[in-house]
Amino acid sequence: MSGLAGGVRAMLDGKGLGMTLGIFGIGILGLILTVEWVVTYARER
């Protein structure tokens, strides 16, 4: 959670915006993939 707060602070400072967006994008993508895997796994059982 501290990483998220640091990312938000960096974004508000206007520094490392691309990196912040990249981290957010990877995090969201990972979350979607995890949810899809769980749904698929639950459906197969």
PDB file of N, CA and C in Angstrom:
ATOM      1  N   MET A   1       0.834  -1.203   0.000  1.00  0.00           N
ATOM      2  CA  MET A   1       0.000   0.000   0.000  1.00  0.00           C
ATOM      3  C   MET A   1       0.874   1.259   0.000  1.00  0.00           C
ATOM      4  N   SER A   2       2.058   1.174   0.626  1.00  0.00           N
ATOM      5  CA  SER A   2       2.944   2.335   0.649  1.00  0.00           C
ATOM      6  C   SER A   2       3.426   2.668  -0.760  1.00  0.00           C
ATOM      7  N   GLY A   3       3.571   1.651  -1.617  1.00  0.00           N
ATOM      8  CA  GLY A   3       3.974   1.880  -2.999  1.00  0.00           C
ATOM      9  C   GLY A   3       2.920   2.676  -3.743  1.00  0.00           C
ATOM     10  N   LEU A   4       1.651   2.370  -3.457  1.00  0.00           N
ATOM     11  CA  LEU A   4       0.539   3.084  -4.099  1.00  0.00           C
ATOM     12  C   LEU A   4       0.541   4.547  -3.664  1.00  0.00           C
ATOM     13  N   ALA A   5       0.741   4.779  -2.367  1.00  0.00           N
ATOM     14  CA  ALA A   5       0.776   6.151  -1.841  1.00  0.00           C
ATOM     15  C   ALA A   5       1.945   6.920  -2.460  1.00  0.00           C
ATOM     16  N   GLY A   6       3.101   6.261  -2.597  1.00  0.00           N
ATOM     17  CA  GLY A   6       4.257   6.897  -3.215  1.00  0.00           C
ATOM     18  C   GLY A   6       3.989   7.247  -4.665  1.00  0.00           C
ATOM     19  N   GLY A   7       3.284   6.359  -5.360  1.00  0.00           N
ATOM     20  CA  GLY A   7       2.932   6.603  -6.764  1.00  0.00           C
ATOM     21  C   GLY A   7       2.005   7.795  -6.899  1.00  0.00           C
ATOM     22  N   VAL A   8       1.030   7.877  -5.997  1.00  0.00           N
ATOM     23  CA  VAL A   8       0.082   9.002  -6.018  1.00  0.00           C
ATOM     24  C   VAL A   8       0.821  10.301  -5.730  1.00  0.00           C
ATOM     25  N   ARG A   9       1.735  10.271  -4.743  1.00  0.00           N
ATOM     26  CA  ARG A   9       2.504  11.469  -4.390  1.00  0.00           C
ATOM     27  C   ARG A   9       3.380  11.912  -5.561  1.00  0.00           C
ATOM     28  N   ALA A  10       4.019  10.936  -6.233  1.00  0.00           N
ATOM     29  CA  ALA A  10       4.861  11.255  -7.388  1.00  0.00           C
ATOM     30  C   ALA A  10       4.016  11.848  -8.513  1.00  0.00           C
ATOM     31  N   MET A  11       2.804  11.323  -8.677  1.00  0.00           N
ATOM     32  CA  MET A  11       1.911  11.810  -9.729  1.00  0.00           C
ATOM     33  C   MET A  11       1.492  13.247  -9.425  1.00  0.00           C
ATOM     34  N   LEU A  12       1.194  13.530  -8.151  1.00  0.00           N
ATOM     35  CA  LEU A  12       0.797  14.884  -7.764  1.00  0.00           C
ATOM     36  C   LEU A  12       1.962  15.860  -7.944  1.00  0.00           C
ATOM     37  N   ASP A  13       3.183  15.384  -7.722  1.00  0.00           N
ATOM     38  CA  ASP A  13       4.365  16.225  -7.923  1.00  0.00           C
ATOM     39  C   ASP A  13       4.642  16.452  -9.408  1.00  0.00           C
ATOM     40  N   GLY A  14       4.059  15.580 -10.253  1.00  0.00           N
ATOM     41  CA  GLY A  14       4.260  15.716 -11.687  1.00  0.00           C
ATOM     42  C   GLY A  14       5.544  15.052 -12.153  1.00  0.00           C
ATOM     43  N   LYS A  15       6.143  14.232 -11.280  1.00  0.00           N
ATOM     44  CA  LYS A  15       7.387  13.537 -11.635  1.00  0.00           C
ATOM     45  C   LYS A  15       7.097  12.074 -11.894  1.00  0.00           C
ATOM     46  N   GLY A  16       7.763  11.512 -12.886  1.00  0.00           N
ATOM     47  CA  GLY A  16       7.617  10.081 -13.159  1.00  0.00           C
ATOM     48  C   GLY A  16       6.195   9.695 -13.494  1.00  0.00           C
ATOM     49  N   LEU A  17       5.505  10.538 -14.241  1.00  0.00           N
ATOM     50  CA  LEU A  17       4.104  10.268 -14.583  1.00  0.00           C
ATOM     51  C   LEU A  17       3.991   8.995 -15.414  1.00  0.00           C
ATOM     52  N   GLY A  18       4.875   8.854 -16.397  1.00  0.00           N
ATOM     53  CA  GLY A  18       4.849   7.658 -17.253  1.00  0.00           C
ATOM     54  C   GLY A  18       5.074   6.394 -16.449  1.00  0.00           C
ATOM     55  N   MET A  19       6.023   6.444 -15.510  1.00  0.00           N
ATOM     56  CA  MET A  19       6.306   5.280 -14.684  1.00  0.00           C
ATOM     57  C   MET A  19       5.115   4.959 -13.790  1.00  0.00           C
ATOM     58  N   THR A  20       4.498   5.993 -13.236  1.00  0.00           N
ATOM     59  CA  THR A  20       3.331   5.805 -12.368  1.00  0.00           C
ATOM     60  C   THR A  20       2.197   5.148 -13.153  1.00  0.00           C
ATOM     61  N   LEU A  21       1.933   5.658 -14.353  1.00  0.00           N
ATOM     62  CA  LEU A  21       0.870   5.086 -15.190  1.00  0.00           C
ATOM     63  C   LEU A  21       1.201   3.651 -15.570  1.00  0.00           C
ATOM     64  N   GLY A  22       2.485   3.395 -15.836  1.00  0.00           N
ATOM     65  CA  GLY A  22       2.919   2.040 -16.180  1.00  0.00           C
ATOM     66  C   GLY A  22       2.675   1.070 -15.032  1.00  0.00           C
ATOM     67  N   ILE A  23       3.024   1.494 -13.818  1.00  0.00           N
ATOM     68  CA  ILE A  23       2.821   0.641 -12.636  1.00  0.00           C
ATOM     69  C   ILE A  23       1.323   0.398 -12.433  1.00  0.00           C
ATOM     70  N   PHE A  24       0.528   1.458 -12.568  1.00  0.00           N
ATOM     71  CA  PHE A  24      -0.923   1.311 -12.424  1.00  0.00           C
ATOM     72  C   PHE A  24      -1.464   0.346 -13.472  1.00  0.00           C
ATOM     73  N   GLY A  25      -1.014   0.512 -14.724  1.00  0.00           N
ATOM     74  CA  GLY A  25      -1.463  -0.354 -15.824  1.00  0.00           C
ATOM     75  C   GLY A  25      -1.137  -1.813 -15.572  1.00  0.00           C
ATOM     76  N   ILE A  26       0.093  -2.070 -15.121  1.00  0.00           N
ATOM     77  CA  ILE A  26       0.505  -3.452 -14.838  1.00  0.00           C
ATOM     78  C   ILE A  26      -0.315  -4.012 -13.680  1.00  0.00           C
ATOM     79  N   GLY A  27      -0.545  -3.198 -12.668  1.00  0.00           N
ATOM     80  CA  GLY A  27      -1.329  -3.636 -11.512  1.00  0.00           C
ATOM     81  C   GLY A  27      -2.764  -3.978 -11.892  1.00  0.00           C
ATOM     82  N   ILE A  28      -3.382  -3.120 -12.709  1.00  0.00           N
ATOM     83  CA  ILE A  28      -4.760  -3.353 -13.151  1.00  0.00           C
ATOM     84  C   ILE A  28      -4.829  -4.592 -14.034  1.00  0.00           C
ATOM     85  N   LEU A  29      -3.854  -4.738 -14.939  1.00  0.00           N
ATOM     86  CA  LEU A  29      -3.806  -5.897 -15.829  1.00  0.00           C
ATOM     87  C   LEU A  29      -3.667  -7.178 -15.010  1.00  0.00           C
ATOM     88  N   GLY A  30      -2.780  -7.158 -14.025  1.00  0.00           N
ATOM     89  CA  GLY A  30      -2.579  -8.321 -13.157  1.00  0.00           C
ATOM     90  C   GLY A  30      -3.849  -8.667 -12.394  1.00  0.00           C
ATOM     91  N   LEU A  31      -4.545  -7.636 -11.924  1.00  0.00           N
ATOM     92  CA  LEU A  31      -5.787  -7.846 -11.179  1.00  0.00           C
ATOM     93  C   LEU A  31      -6.837  -8.495 -12.077  1.00  0.00           C
ATOM     94  N   ILE A  32      -6.983  -7.994 -13.306  1.00  0.00           N
ATOM     95  CA  ILE A  32      -7.959  -8.555 -14.254  1.00  0.00           C
ATOM     96  C   ILE A  32      -7.627 -10.008 -14.567  1.00  0.00           C
ATOM     97  N   LEU A  33      -6.334 -10.285 -14.831  1.00  0.00           N
ATOM     98  CA  LEU A  33      -5.927 -11.662 -15.144  1.00  0.00           C
ATOM     99  C   LEU A  33      -6.191 -12.593 -13.972  1.00  0.00           C
ATOM    100  N   THR A  34      -5.937 -12.120 -12.761  1.00  0.00           N
ATOM    101  CA  THR A  34      -6.170 -12.935 -11.563  1.00  0.00           C
ATOM    102  C   THR A  34      -7.656 -13.235 -11.414  1.00  0.00           C
ATOM    103  N   VAL A  35      -8.507 -12.229 -11.592  1.00  0.00           N
ATOM    104  CA  VAL A  35      -9.955 -12.418 -11.476  1.00  0.00           C
ATOM    105  C   VAL A  35     -10.444 -13.400 -12.539  1.00  0.00           C
ATOM    106  N   GLU A  36      -9.964 -13.234 -13.782  1.00  0.00           N
ATOM    107  CA  GLU A  36     -10.380 -14.148 -14.855  1.00  0.00           C
ATOM    108  C   GLU A  36      -9.945 -15.578 -14.558  1.00  0.00           C
ATOM    109  N   TRP A  37      -8.722 -15.754 -14.022  1.00  0.00           N
ATOM    110  CA  TRP A  37      -8.220 -17.094 -13.689  1.00  0.00           C
ATOM    111  C   TRP A  37      -9.087 -17.723 -12.609  1.00  0.00           C
ATOM    112  N   VAL A  38      -9.434 -16.955 -11.586  1.00  0.00           N
ATOM    113  CA  VAL A  38     -10.272 -17.471 -10.490  1.00  0.00           C
ATOM    114  C   VAL A  38     -11.646 -17.855 -11.007  1.00  0.00           C
ATOM    115  N   VAL A  39     -12.229 -17.012 -11.856  1.00  0.00           N
ATOM    116  CA  VAL A  39     -13.565 -17.301 -12.414  1.00  0.00           C
ATOM    117  C   VAL A  39     -13.518 -18.575 -13.253  1.00  0.00           C
ATOM    118  N   THR A  40     -12.502 -18.701 -14.095  1.00  0.00           N
ATOM    119  CA  THR A  40     -12.348 -19.886 -14.943  1.00  0.00           C
ATOM    120  C   THR A  40     -12.156 -21.131 -14.083  1.00  0.00           C
ATOM    121  N   TYR A  41     -11.321 -21.023 -13.071  1.00  0.00           N
ATOM    122  CA  TYR A  41     -11.035 -22.143 -12.169  1.00  0.00           C
ATOM    123  C   TYR A  41     -12.305 -22.571 -11.430  1.00  0.00           C
ATOM    124  N   ALA A  42     -13.077 -21.593 -10.964  1.00  0.00           N
ATOM    125  CA  ALA A  42     -14.318 -21.884 -10.233  1.00  0.00           C
ATOM    126  C   ALA A  42     -15.335 -22.550 -11.163  1.00  0.00           C
ATOM    127  N   ARG A  43     -15.372 -22.123 -12.419  1.00  0.00           N
ATOM    128  CA  ARG A  43     -16.320 -22.671 -13.386  1.00  0.00           C
ATOM    129  C   ARG A  43     -15.987 -24.121 -13.725  1.00  0.00           C
ATOM    130  N   GLU A  44     -14.688 -24.431 -13.810  1.00  0.00           N
ATOM    131  CA  GLU A  44     -14.267 -25.785 -14.181  1.00  0.00           C
ATOM    132  C   GLU A  44     -14.527 -26.816 -13.081  1.00  0.00           C
ATOM    133  N   ARG A  45     -14.618 -26.365 -11.841  1.00  0.00           N
ATOM    134  CA  ARG A  45     -14.799 -27.308 -10.734  1.00  0.00           C
ATOM    135  C   ARG A  45     -16.236 -27.724 -10.546  1.00  0.00           C
TER     136      ARG A  45
END
